[in-house]
């Protein structure tokens, strides 16, 4: 399903703003066709049978990204995921530094984000 601002409102409610989700995989495809990034995140799910589900986000037309490993990590999403549409791009910021706002955080200080022209998502059950 295509991620839109309206669907994002529903996802935030269902997945508790993605707080304390866990990044399971990040797959960047930079060659042979359009650039894309596939992220799988395990999140609490208010509608899931087990209370958790996997969400697979596929960002197409990747414009920029950063996934920095080190002393601090983006793998546990203590502050959730922030989404913002700006200059015809969709930004997905993992574990943003500050509470979510309508504007993007300072991406030079963020350790994990990706932007692209569109994003599809799929919800899969976790047992």
N, C-alpha and C. Protein backbone atom coordinates (compact mmCIF):
# COMPACT_ATOMS: atom_id res chain seq x y z
N UNK A 1 0.85 -1.17 0.00
CA UNK A 1 0.00 0.00 0.00
C UNK A 1 0.90 1.24 0.00
N UNK A 2 0.51 2.26 -0.72
CA UNK A 2 1.28 3.50 -0.79
C UNK A 2 1.10 4.32 0.49
N UNK A 3 2.22 4.79 1.04
CA UNK A 3 2.16 5.60 2.25
C UNK A 3 1.76 7.03 1.89
N UNK A 4 0.66 7.48 2.48
CA UNK A 4 0.16 8.85 2.29
C UNK A 4 0.02 9.47 3.67
N UNK A 5 -0.12 10.79 3.75
CA UNK A 5 -0.32 11.42 5.06
C UNK A 5 -1.54 10.85 5.80
N UNK A 6 -2.60 10.53 5.07
CA UNK A 6 -3.81 9.99 5.70
C UNK A 6 -3.55 8.58 6.26
N UNK A 7 -2.87 7.75 5.49
CA UNK A 7 -2.56 6.40 5.97
C UNK A 7 -1.55 6.44 7.11
N UNK A 8 -0.68 7.43 7.09
CA UNK A 8 0.31 7.55 8.16
C UNK A 8 -0.37 7.79 9.51
N UNK A 9 -1.45 8.57 9.51
CA UNK A 9 -2.20 8.81 10.76
C UNK A 9 -2.71 7.47 11.31
N UNK A 10 -3.24 6.63 10.44
CA UNK A 10 -3.74 5.32 10.86
C UNK A 10 -2.61 4.43 11.37
N UNK A 11 -1.47 4.43 10.67
CA UNK A 11 -0.34 3.61 11.09
C UNK A 11 0.21 4.05 12.44
N UNK A 12 0.33 5.35 12.64
CA UNK A 12 0.84 5.86 13.93
C UNK A 12 -0.05 5.41 15.08
N UNK A 13 -1.34 5.44 14.86
CA UNK A 13 -2.27 5.01 15.91
C UNK A 13 -2.14 3.51 16.16
N UNK A 14 -2.17 2.73 15.11
CA UNK A 14 -2.12 1.27 15.23
C UNK A 14 -0.79 0.80 15.82
N UNK A 15 0.32 1.44 15.44
CA UNK A 15 1.64 0.98 15.85
C UNK A 15 2.27 1.88 16.92
N UNK A 16 1.44 2.57 17.69
CA UNK A 16 1.86 3.35 18.85
C UNK A 16 3.04 4.26 18.48
N UNK A 17 2.89 4.97 17.38
CA UNK A 17 3.92 5.89 16.87
C UNK A 17 5.26 5.21 16.62
N UNK A 18 5.26 3.89 16.52
CA UNK A 18 6.46 3.09 16.26
C UNK A 18 7.46 3.14 17.42
N UNK A 19 7.02 3.63 18.60
CA UNK A 19 7.90 3.69 19.76
C UNK A 19 8.35 2.29 20.15
N UNK A 20 9.63 2.17 20.46
CA UNK A 20 10.26 0.93 20.90
C UNK A 20 10.19 -0.18 19.86
N UNK A 21 9.97 0.19 18.60
CA UNK A 21 10.08 -0.79 17.53
C UNK A 21 11.54 -1.19 17.36
N UNK A 22 11.77 -2.25 16.60
CA UNK A 22 13.12 -2.75 16.38
C UNK A 22 13.35 -2.87 14.87
N UNK A 23 14.43 -2.27 14.39
CA UNK A 23 14.80 -2.39 12.98
C UNK A 23 15.39 -3.78 12.78
N UNK A 24 14.74 -4.60 11.96
CA UNK A 24 15.19 -5.97 11.73
C UNK A 24 16.15 -6.05 10.54
N UNK A 25 15.83 -5.34 9.45
CA UNK A 25 16.71 -5.36 8.27
C UNK A 25 16.67 -4.02 7.56
N UNK A 26 17.79 -3.71 6.92
CA UNK A 26 17.90 -2.56 6.02
C UNK A 26 18.57 -3.09 4.76
N UNK A 27 17.91 -2.95 3.63
CA UNK A 27 18.44 -3.45 2.36
C UNK A 27 18.46 -2.30 1.37
N UNK A 28 19.66 -1.84 1.02
CA UNK A 28 19.81 -0.75 0.05
C UNK A 28 20.13 -1.35 -1.31
N UNK A 29 19.38 -0.94 -2.32
CA UNK A 29 19.62 -1.38 -3.68
C UNK A 29 19.96 -0.15 -4.52
N UNK A 30 21.24 -0.06 -4.88
CA UNK A 30 21.73 1.15 -5.52
C UNK A 30 22.09 0.95 -6.99
N UNK A 31 22.11 -0.27 -7.46
CA UNK A 31 22.48 -0.54 -8.85
C UNK A 31 21.33 -1.18 -9.60
N UNK A 32 21.46 -1.16 -10.92
CA UNK A 32 20.50 -1.84 -11.80
C UNK A 32 19.07 -1.35 -11.58
N UNK A 33 18.81 -0.16 -12.04
CA UNK A 33 17.46 0.37 -11.94
C UNK A 33 17.35 1.42 -10.87
N UNK A 34 16.13 1.78 -10.55
CA UNK A 34 15.93 2.83 -9.55
C UNK A 34 16.48 2.42 -8.18
N UNK A 35 17.04 3.38 -7.49
CA UNK A 35 17.53 3.13 -6.14
C UNK A 35 16.36 2.93 -5.21
N UNK A 36 16.50 1.95 -4.30
CA UNK A 36 15.45 1.76 -3.32
C UNK A 36 16.03 1.23 -2.02
N UNK A 37 15.27 1.40 -0.96
CA UNK A 37 15.67 0.95 0.36
C UNK A 37 14.48 0.21 0.97
N UNK A 38 14.72 -1.01 1.41
CA UNK A 38 13.68 -1.81 2.04
C UNK A 38 14.04 -1.96 3.52
N UNK A 39 13.18 -1.45 4.39
CA UNK A 39 13.38 -1.54 5.84
C UNK A 39 12.29 -2.41 6.44
N UNK A 40 12.67 -3.35 7.27
CA UNK A 40 11.71 -4.16 8.00
C UNK A 40 11.82 -3.77 9.47
N UNK A 41 10.69 -3.39 10.05
CA UNK A 41 10.65 -2.94 11.44
C UNK A 41 9.63 -3.79 12.18
N UNK A 42 10.01 -4.31 13.35
CA UNK A 42 9.08 -5.03 14.21
C UNK A 42 8.52 -4.05 15.23
N UNK A 43 7.19 -3.94 15.28
CA UNK A 43 6.53 -2.93 16.13
C UNK A 43 5.39 -3.54 16.92
N UNK A 44 5.11 -2.90 18.06
CA UNK A 44 3.88 -3.25 18.78
C UNK A 44 2.70 -2.93 17.87
N UNK A 45 1.72 -3.82 17.87
CA UNK A 45 0.58 -3.68 16.97
C UNK A 45 -0.70 -3.88 17.77
N UNK A 46 -1.49 -2.82 17.86
CA UNK A 46 -2.73 -2.89 18.64
C UNK A 46 -3.76 -3.81 17.99
N UNK A 47 -3.56 -4.17 16.72
CA UNK A 47 -4.49 -5.05 16.02
C UNK A 47 -3.91 -6.43 15.73
N UNK A 48 -2.63 -6.64 16.04
CA UNK A 48 -1.97 -7.90 15.73
C UNK A 48 -2.32 -8.99 16.73
N UNK A 49 -2.42 -10.22 16.25
CA UNK A 49 -2.79 -11.36 17.11
C UNK A 49 -1.79 -11.56 18.24
N UNK A 50 -0.50 -11.38 17.95
CA UNK A 50 0.53 -11.57 18.98
C UNK A 50 0.88 -10.28 19.71
N UNK A 51 0.31 -9.16 19.25
CA UNK A 51 0.65 -7.86 19.82
C UNK A 51 1.81 -7.18 19.12
N UNK A 52 2.44 -7.90 18.16
CA UNK A 52 3.55 -7.35 17.37
C UNK A 52 3.35 -7.74 15.92
N UNK A 53 3.84 -6.88 15.02
CA UNK A 53 3.83 -7.18 13.59
C UNK A 53 5.11 -6.64 12.98
N UNK A 54 5.40 -7.12 11.78
CA UNK A 54 6.52 -6.59 11.00
C UNK A 54 5.93 -5.65 9.96
N UNK A 55 6.55 -4.51 9.80
CA UNK A 55 6.16 -3.58 8.74
C UNK A 55 7.34 -3.49 7.79
N UNK A 56 7.09 -3.74 6.52
CA UNK A 56 8.13 -3.65 5.50
C UNK A 56 7.88 -2.37 4.71
N UNK A 57 8.79 -1.41 4.86
CA UNK A 57 8.72 -0.16 4.12
C UNK A 57 9.65 -0.25 2.92
N UNK A 58 9.14 0.04 1.72
CA UNK A 58 9.97 0.05 0.52
C UNK A 58 9.98 1.47 -0.02
N UNK A 59 11.11 2.14 0.19
CA UNK A 59 11.28 3.52 -0.29
C UNK A 59 11.86 3.47 -1.69
N UNK A 60 11.18 4.05 -2.64
CA UNK A 60 11.63 4.09 -4.03
C UNK A 60 12.19 5.46 -4.36
N UNK A 61 13.01 5.51 -5.40
CA UNK A 61 13.60 6.78 -5.82
C UNK A 61 14.46 7.39 -4.73
N UNK A 62 15.27 6.55 -4.06
CA UNK A 62 16.08 7.02 -2.94
C UNK A 62 16.95 8.19 -3.37
N UNK A 63 16.87 9.27 -2.59
CA UNK A 63 17.62 10.49 -2.88
C UNK A 63 18.83 10.63 -1.97
N UNK A 64 18.64 10.34 -0.68
CA UNK A 64 19.75 10.37 0.27
C UNK A 64 19.44 9.46 1.44
N UNK A 65 20.49 9.04 2.15
CA UNK A 65 20.30 8.14 3.29
C UNK A 65 21.52 8.21 4.20
N UNK A 66 21.32 7.76 5.42
CA UNK A 66 22.40 7.54 6.38
C UNK A 66 21.94 6.45 7.33
N UNK A 67 22.78 5.45 7.51
CA UNK A 67 22.58 4.41 8.51
C UNK A 67 23.93 4.23 9.18
N UNK A 68 24.10 4.88 10.31
CA UNK A 68 25.39 4.95 10.98
C UNK A 68 25.40 4.01 12.18
N UNK A 69 26.35 3.10 12.18
CA UNK A 69 26.52 2.19 13.31
C UNK A 69 27.64 2.72 14.18
N UNK A 70 27.54 2.50 15.46
CA UNK A 70 28.58 2.97 16.36
C UNK A 70 28.13 2.84 17.79
N UNK A 71 28.60 3.77 18.60
CA UNK A 71 28.30 3.74 20.04
C UNK A 71 26.80 3.85 20.29
N UNK A 72 26.15 4.71 19.56
CA UNK A 72 24.69 4.84 19.64
C UNK A 72 24.12 4.23 18.37
N UNK A 73 23.01 3.58 18.49
CA UNK A 73 22.47 2.87 17.34
C UNK A 73 21.01 3.25 17.10
N UNK A 74 20.59 3.04 15.89
CA UNK A 74 19.22 3.33 15.51
C UNK A 74 18.34 2.08 15.56
N UNK A 75 18.87 0.94 15.93
CA UNK A 75 18.14 -0.31 15.81
C UNK A 75 16.92 -0.41 16.72
N UNK A 76 17.00 0.15 17.91
CA UNK A 76 15.83 0.22 18.79
C UNK A 76 15.26 1.63 18.67
N UNK A 77 14.01 1.72 18.29
CA UNK A 77 13.39 3.00 17.97
C UNK A 77 12.74 3.62 19.21
N UNK A 78 13.56 4.02 20.16
CA UNK A 78 13.05 4.57 21.41
C UNK A 78 12.14 5.77 21.19
N UNK A 79 12.44 6.57 20.17
CA UNK A 79 11.62 7.74 19.86
C UNK A 79 10.80 7.54 18.60
N UNK A 80 10.64 6.29 18.17
CA UNK A 80 9.79 5.99 17.04
C UNK A 80 10.40 6.33 15.70
N UNK A 81 9.53 6.57 14.74
CA UNK A 81 9.92 6.95 13.38
C UNK A 81 9.21 8.24 13.04
N UNK A 82 9.92 9.18 12.49
CA UNK A 82 9.31 10.43 12.04
C UNK A 82 9.25 10.43 10.52
N UNK A 83 8.12 10.83 9.98
CA UNK A 83 7.94 10.94 8.54
C UNK A 83 7.64 12.39 8.20
N UNK A 84 8.18 12.87 7.10
CA UNK A 84 7.89 14.23 6.66
C UNK A 84 8.00 14.30 5.14
N UNK A 85 7.08 15.02 4.53
CA UNK A 85 7.13 15.27 3.10
C UNK A 85 7.70 16.67 2.91
N UNK A 86 8.77 16.79 2.12
CA UNK A 86 9.41 18.09 1.90
C UNK A 86 10.06 18.09 0.52
N UNK A 87 9.80 19.15 -0.25
CA UNK A 87 10.40 19.31 -1.58
C UNK A 87 10.17 18.07 -2.45
N UNK A 88 8.96 17.56 -2.46
CA UNK A 88 8.54 16.42 -3.26
C UNK A 88 9.22 15.11 -2.87
N UNK A 89 9.82 15.06 -1.69
CA UNK A 89 10.43 13.84 -1.18
C UNK A 89 9.78 13.46 0.14
N UNK A 90 9.77 12.16 0.42
CA UNK A 90 9.33 11.65 1.70
C UNK A 90 10.57 11.27 2.49
N UNK A 91 10.65 11.77 3.73
CA UNK A 91 11.76 11.45 4.62
C UNK A 91 11.26 10.53 5.71
N UNK A 92 12.02 9.47 5.98
CA UNK A 92 11.75 8.56 7.08
C UNK A 92 12.96 8.64 8.00
N UNK A 93 12.75 9.18 9.19
CA UNK A 93 13.84 9.38 10.15
C UNK A 93 13.64 8.38 11.29
N UNK A 94 14.62 7.49 11.46
CA UNK A 94 14.55 6.47 12.50
C UNK A 94 15.12 7.03 13.79
N UNK A 95 14.38 6.83 14.88
CA UNK A 95 14.81 7.30 16.20
C UNK A 95 15.27 8.75 16.15
N UNK A 96 14.37 9.67 15.81
CA UNK A 96 14.76 11.08 15.72
C UNK A 96 15.28 11.59 17.06
N UNK A 97 16.14 12.60 17.01
CA UNK A 97 16.77 13.14 18.21
C UNK A 97 15.79 13.83 19.15
N UNK A 98 14.76 14.42 18.62
CA UNK A 98 13.82 15.20 19.44
C UNK A 98 12.41 14.66 19.25
N UNK A 99 11.50 15.15 20.09
CA UNK A 99 10.11 14.76 19.92
C UNK A 99 9.65 15.12 18.53
N UNK A 100 8.74 14.35 18.01
CA UNK A 100 8.28 14.53 16.64
C UNK A 100 7.64 15.90 16.46
N UNK A 101 8.00 16.53 15.37
CA UNK A 101 7.39 17.79 14.98
C UNK A 101 6.96 17.66 13.53
N UNK A 102 6.33 18.65 13.02
CA UNK A 102 5.94 18.63 11.61
C UNK A 102 7.15 18.80 10.70
N UNK A 103 8.19 19.48 11.19
CA UNK A 103 9.39 19.71 10.39
C UNK A 103 10.39 18.58 10.60
N UNK A 104 11.31 18.48 9.68
CA UNK A 104 12.38 17.51 9.81
C UNK A 104 13.35 17.91 10.91
N UNK A 105 13.92 16.93 11.61
CA UNK A 105 14.99 17.27 12.54
C UNK A 105 16.24 17.61 11.74
N UNK A 106 17.27 18.06 12.41
CA UNK A 106 18.54 18.36 11.77
C UNK A 106 19.16 17.04 11.32
N UNK A 107 19.13 16.77 10.02
CA UNK A 107 19.61 15.48 9.51
C UNK A 107 21.12 15.32 9.65
N UNK A 108 21.85 16.41 9.80
CA UNK A 108 23.30 16.28 10.00
C UNK A 108 23.62 15.67 11.35
N UNK A 109 22.66 15.71 12.28
CA UNK A 109 22.87 15.15 13.61
C UNK A 109 22.15 13.82 13.80
N UNK A 110 21.42 13.37 12.81
CA UNK A 110 20.66 12.14 12.94
C UNK A 110 21.46 10.97 12.38
N UNK A 111 21.38 9.82 13.05
CA UNK A 111 22.21 8.69 12.64
C UNK A 111 21.52 7.74 11.65
N UNK A 112 20.23 7.92 11.40
CA UNK A 112 19.56 7.01 10.47
C UNK A 112 18.34 7.66 9.84
N UNK A 113 18.39 7.78 8.52
CA UNK A 113 17.23 8.28 7.78
C UNK A 113 17.38 7.89 6.32
N UNK A 114 16.27 7.97 5.60
CA UNK A 114 16.28 7.74 4.16
C UNK A 114 15.20 8.65 3.56
N UNK A 115 15.46 9.16 2.36
CA UNK A 115 14.44 9.93 1.65
C UNK A 115 14.29 9.35 0.25
N UNK A 116 13.08 9.50 -0.26
CA UNK A 116 12.79 9.00 -1.60
C UNK A 116 11.53 9.62 -2.14
N UNK A 117 11.20 9.24 -3.36
CA UNK A 117 10.04 9.83 -4.02
C UNK A 117 8.72 9.21 -3.58
N UNK A 118 8.75 7.95 -3.12
CA UNK A 118 7.52 7.31 -2.66
C UNK A 118 7.87 6.14 -1.74
N UNK A 119 6.87 5.68 -0.99
CA UNK A 119 7.08 4.58 -0.07
C UNK A 119 5.85 3.68 -0.06
N UNK A 120 6.10 2.41 -0.25
CA UNK A 120 5.07 1.39 -0.10
C UNK A 120 5.29 0.69 1.22
N UNK A 121 4.22 0.15 1.81
CA UNK A 121 4.40 -0.60 3.04
C UNK A 121 3.51 -1.85 3.02
N UNK A 122 3.98 -2.85 3.76
CA UNK A 122 3.24 -4.10 3.90
C UNK A 122 3.33 -4.51 5.38
N UNK A 123 2.22 -4.97 5.92
CA UNK A 123 2.17 -5.41 7.31
C UNK A 123 2.11 -6.93 7.34
N UNK A 124 3.05 -7.53 8.09
CA UNK A 124 3.14 -9.00 8.18
C UNK A 124 3.01 -9.41 9.64
N UNK A 125 2.32 -10.51 9.92
CA UNK A 125 2.19 -10.96 11.31
C UNK A 125 3.50 -11.52 11.85
N UNK A 126 3.72 -11.32 13.14
CA UNK A 126 4.84 -11.95 13.84
C UNK A 126 4.24 -12.92 14.85
N UNK A 127 4.84 -14.08 14.99
CA UNK A 127 4.30 -15.04 15.96
C UNK A 127 5.23 -15.18 17.13
